[in-house]
Amino acid sequence: MDIKILGSCCGHAQRLFEMISQYCQSNNIEADIEITEDTVEIMQYGILSTPGLVVNGKLKFNGIIPNDNKILNYITQEIKR
């Protein structure tokens, strides 16, 4: 699974990274997780506010940090595919 967190230098992207890393580790989910701060790359997803979450190339959300259950949903949806 490929997970990309879109974020600028704010702490929200790092917080999201830590949440997702912990979730994947505790549920034995193999994932490549990275944070990208590249504005050009972030703009390719058509978002104006960060953080954003991209799972397997699909933008799941942006501009907020959803609760743990929603993050779990976004990731498990991609496992089932």
N, C-alpha and C. Protein backbone atom coordinates (compact mmCIF):
# COMPACT_ATOMS: atom_id res chain seq x y z
N MET A 1 0.85 -1.16 0.00
CA MET A 1 0.00 0.00 0.00
C MET A 1 0.90 1.23 0.00
N ASP A 2 0.50 2.21 -0.76
CA ASP A 2 1.24 3.46 -0.86
C ASP A 2 0.41 4.57 -0.23
N ILE A 3 0.94 5.18 0.82
CA ILE A 3 0.24 6.25 1.53
C ILE A 3 1.09 7.50 1.47
N LYS A 4 0.48 8.56 1.00
CA LYS A 4 1.18 9.84 0.89
C LYS A 4 0.41 10.89 1.68
N ILE A 5 1.13 11.60 2.52
CA ILE A 5 0.53 12.69 3.27
C ILE A 5 1.01 13.98 2.64
N LEU A 6 0.05 14.79 2.25
CA LEU A 6 0.36 16.06 1.61
C LEU A 6 0.33 17.14 2.68
N GLY A 7 1.44 17.85 2.83
CA GLY A 7 1.45 18.88 3.85
C GLY A 7 2.61 19.81 3.71
N SER A 8 2.39 20.99 4.20
CA SER A 8 3.47 21.98 4.22
C SER A 8 4.19 21.85 5.55
N CYS A 9 4.83 22.87 5.97
CA CYS A 9 5.66 22.79 7.18
C CYS A 9 4.86 22.82 8.48
N CYS A 10 3.55 22.77 8.39
CA CYS A 10 2.75 22.78 9.61
C CYS A 10 2.86 21.43 10.32
N GLY A 11 2.52 21.38 11.57
CA GLY A 11 2.61 20.16 12.35
C GLY A 11 1.51 19.16 12.06
N HIS A 12 0.48 19.57 11.33
CA HIS A 12 -0.64 18.66 11.06
C HIS A 12 -0.21 17.46 10.22
N ALA A 13 0.62 17.67 9.23
CA ALA A 13 1.08 16.57 8.38
C ALA A 13 1.89 15.57 9.20
N GLN A 14 2.74 16.06 10.08
CA GLN A 14 3.53 15.17 10.93
C GLN A 14 2.63 14.40 11.89
N ARG A 15 1.64 15.05 12.43
CA ARG A 15 0.69 14.37 13.34
C ARG A 15 -0.05 13.27 12.60
N LEU A 16 -0.50 13.56 11.39
CA LEU A 16 -1.19 12.58 10.58
C LEU A 16 -0.26 11.41 10.24
N PHE A 17 0.97 11.71 9.92
CA PHE A 17 1.96 10.68 9.63
C PHE A 17 2.11 9.73 10.83
N GLU A 18 2.22 10.29 12.00
CA GLU A 18 2.38 9.48 13.21
C GLU A 18 1.14 8.62 13.47
N MET A 19 -0.04 9.19 13.28
CA MET A 19 -1.28 8.43 13.48
C MET A 19 -1.37 7.24 12.53
N ILE A 20 -1.09 7.50 11.26
CA ILE A 20 -1.20 6.44 10.26
C ILE A 20 -0.11 5.39 10.45
N SER A 21 1.09 5.82 10.76
CA SER A 21 2.18 4.87 11.01
C SER A 21 1.83 3.94 12.16
N GLN A 22 1.32 4.51 13.24
CA GLN A 22 0.95 3.71 14.40
C GLN A 22 -0.18 2.74 14.05
N TYR A 23 -1.18 3.21 13.33
CA TYR A 23 -2.29 2.35 12.94
C TYR A 23 -1.80 1.18 12.08
N CYS A 24 -0.99 1.47 11.08
CA CYS A 24 -0.49 0.41 10.20
C CYS A 24 0.36 -0.59 10.98
N GLN A 25 1.19 -0.10 11.85
CA GLN A 25 2.05 -0.98 12.63
C GLN A 25 1.21 -1.88 13.55
N SER A 26 0.24 -1.31 14.24
CA SER A 26 -0.55 -2.10 15.19
C SER A 26 -1.50 -3.07 14.49
N ASN A 27 -1.77 -2.87 13.21
CA ASN A 27 -2.67 -3.76 12.46
C ASN A 27 -1.94 -4.58 11.40
N ASN A 28 -0.61 -4.62 11.49
CA ASN A 28 0.21 -5.41 10.57
C ASN A 28 -0.09 -5.11 9.09
N ILE A 29 -0.21 -3.84 8.78
CA ILE A 29 -0.46 -3.40 7.40
C ILE A 29 0.86 -2.91 6.82
N GLU A 30 1.28 -3.55 5.75
CA GLU A 30 2.50 -3.11 5.08
C GLU A 30 2.18 -1.90 4.21
N ALA A 31 2.86 -0.81 4.48
CA ALA A 31 2.59 0.41 3.72
C ALA A 31 3.86 1.25 3.63
N ASP A 32 4.03 1.86 2.48
CA ASP A 32 5.05 2.88 2.31
C ASP A 32 4.37 4.21 2.61
N ILE A 33 4.82 4.85 3.68
CA ILE A 33 4.19 6.10 4.12
C ILE A 33 5.21 7.22 3.97
N GLU A 34 4.81 8.29 3.31
CA GLU A 34 5.71 9.43 3.15
C GLU A 34 4.94 10.74 3.24
N ILE A 35 5.66 11.76 3.63
CA ILE A 35 5.12 13.11 3.65
C ILE A 35 5.75 13.86 2.48
N THR A 36 4.92 14.53 1.71
CA THR A 36 5.47 15.39 0.65
C THR A 36 5.09 16.83 0.96
N GLU A 37 6.10 17.69 0.88
CA GLU A 37 5.89 19.13 1.08
C GLU A 37 6.04 19.90 -0.22
N ASP A 38 6.23 19.16 -1.32
CA ASP A 38 6.43 19.77 -2.63
C ASP A 38 5.12 20.40 -3.11
N THR A 39 5.09 21.71 -3.16
CA THR A 39 3.88 22.45 -3.53
C THR A 39 3.36 22.05 -4.90
N VAL A 40 4.24 21.85 -5.85
CA VAL A 40 3.81 21.47 -7.20
C VAL A 40 3.12 20.12 -7.16
N GLU A 41 3.70 19.17 -6.45
CA GLU A 41 3.08 17.85 -6.35
C GLU A 41 1.74 17.92 -5.63
N ILE A 42 1.67 18.69 -4.55
CA ILE A 42 0.43 18.85 -3.80
C ILE A 42 -0.65 19.45 -4.70
N MET A 43 -0.29 20.44 -5.49
CA MET A 43 -1.27 21.09 -6.37
C MET A 43 -1.80 20.15 -7.45
N GLN A 44 -1.05 19.12 -7.80
CA GLN A 44 -1.52 18.15 -8.79
C GLN A 44 -2.76 17.40 -8.32
N TYR A 45 -2.97 17.37 -7.02
CA TYR A 45 -4.16 16.72 -6.47
C TYR A 45 -5.34 17.69 -6.39
N GLY A 46 -5.13 18.94 -6.76
CA GLY A 46 -6.22 19.91 -6.81
C GLY A 46 -6.70 20.38 -5.44
N ILE A 47 -5.85 20.34 -4.44
CA ILE A 47 -6.27 20.79 -3.12
C ILE A 47 -5.67 22.15 -2.82
N LEU A 48 -6.37 22.88 -1.97
CA LEU A 48 -5.90 24.20 -1.58
C LEU A 48 -5.49 24.26 -0.12
N SER A 49 -5.88 23.24 0.65
CA SER A 49 -5.51 23.23 2.07
C SER A 49 -4.99 21.86 2.46
N THR A 50 -4.02 21.87 3.36
CA THR A 50 -3.41 20.64 3.82
C THR A 50 -3.76 20.46 5.30
N PRO A 51 -3.59 19.29 5.85
CA PRO A 51 -2.98 18.12 5.23
C PRO A 51 -3.97 17.40 4.31
N GLY A 52 -3.40 16.56 3.49
CA GLY A 52 -4.20 15.71 2.62
C GLY A 52 -3.71 14.28 2.74
N LEU A 53 -4.58 13.35 2.44
CA LEU A 53 -4.21 11.94 2.50
C LEU A 53 -4.49 11.30 1.15
N VAL A 54 -3.47 10.67 0.60
CA VAL A 54 -3.59 9.96 -0.68
C VAL A 54 -3.23 8.50 -0.39
N VAL A 55 -4.15 7.60 -0.71
CA VAL A 55 -3.91 6.17 -0.51
C VAL A 55 -4.01 5.50 -1.88
N ASN A 56 -2.92 4.84 -2.26
CA ASN A 56 -2.85 4.17 -3.57
C ASN A 56 -3.25 5.10 -4.71
N GLY A 57 -2.79 6.33 -4.62
CA GLY A 57 -3.02 7.30 -5.69
C GLY A 57 -4.35 8.02 -5.65
N LYS A 58 -5.19 7.71 -4.66
CA LYS A 58 -6.52 8.32 -4.56
C LYS A 58 -6.57 9.28 -3.38
N LEU A 59 -6.97 10.52 -3.66
CA LEU A 59 -7.12 11.52 -2.60
C LEU A 59 -8.31 11.13 -1.74
N LYS A 60 -8.07 10.99 -0.45
CA LYS A 60 -9.14 10.60 0.47
C LYS A 60 -9.74 11.79 1.21
N PHE A 61 -8.91 12.75 1.59
CA PHE A 61 -9.41 13.97 2.22
C PHE A 61 -8.33 15.02 2.21
N ASN A 62 -8.73 16.25 2.50
CA ASN A 62 -7.76 17.33 2.67
C ASN A 62 -8.34 18.42 3.55
N GLY A 63 -7.45 19.17 4.16
CA GLY A 63 -7.84 20.33 4.96
C GLY A 63 -8.23 20.04 6.39
N ILE A 64 -8.29 18.76 6.76
CA ILE A 64 -8.69 18.39 8.12
C ILE A 64 -7.87 17.18 8.56
N ILE A 65 -7.94 16.89 9.83
CA ILE A 65 -7.46 15.60 10.33
C ILE A 65 -8.70 14.91 10.91
N PRO A 66 -9.22 13.93 10.18
CA PRO A 66 -10.43 13.25 10.66
C PRO A 66 -10.13 12.39 11.88
N ASN A 67 -11.18 11.90 12.50
CA ASN A 67 -10.97 11.05 13.66
C ASN A 67 -10.38 9.70 13.25
N ASP A 68 -9.93 8.96 14.23
CA ASP A 68 -9.26 7.69 13.97
C ASP A 68 -10.11 6.72 13.16
N ASN A 69 -11.41 6.67 13.44
CA ASN A 69 -12.29 5.74 12.72
C ASN A 69 -12.36 6.05 11.23
N LYS A 70 -12.39 7.31 10.88
CA LYS A 70 -12.43 7.69 9.46
C LYS A 70 -11.12 7.32 8.77
N ILE A 71 -10.00 7.58 9.45
CA ILE A 71 -8.70 7.22 8.87
C ILE A 71 -8.64 5.71 8.66
N LEU A 72 -9.10 4.96 9.64
CA LEU A 72 -9.15 3.51 9.55
C LEU A 72 -9.98 3.08 8.34
N ASN A 73 -11.11 3.72 8.15
CA ASN A 73 -11.98 3.43 6.99
C ASN A 73 -11.26 3.67 5.67
N TYR A 74 -10.60 4.82 5.54
CA TYR A 74 -9.90 5.16 4.30
C TYR A 74 -8.85 4.12 3.96
N ILE A 75 -8.14 3.65 4.96
CA ILE A 75 -7.06 2.69 4.72
C ILE A 75 -7.63 1.29 4.45
N THR A 76 -8.59 0.86 5.25
CA THR A 76 -9.14 -0.49 5.07
C THR A 76 -9.91 -0.61 3.76
N GLN A 77 -10.50 0.46 3.27
CA GLN A 77 -11.16 0.41 1.95
C GLN A 77 -10.17 -0.01 0.88
N GLU A 78 -8.95 0.49 0.97
CA GLU A 78 -7.95 0.18 -0.04
C GLU A 78 -7.38 -1.23 0.13
N ILE A 79 -7.40 -1.77 1.34
CA ILE A 79 -6.93 -3.13 1.56
C ILE A 79 -7.87 -4.11 0.87
N LYS A 80 -9.16 -3.84 0.91
CA LYS A 80 -10.16 -4.72 0.33
C LYS A 80 -10.16 -4.74 -1.19
N ARG A 81 -9.51 -3.78 -1.81
CA ARG A 81 -9.51 -3.70 -3.28
C ARG A 81 -8.46 -4.58 -3.87
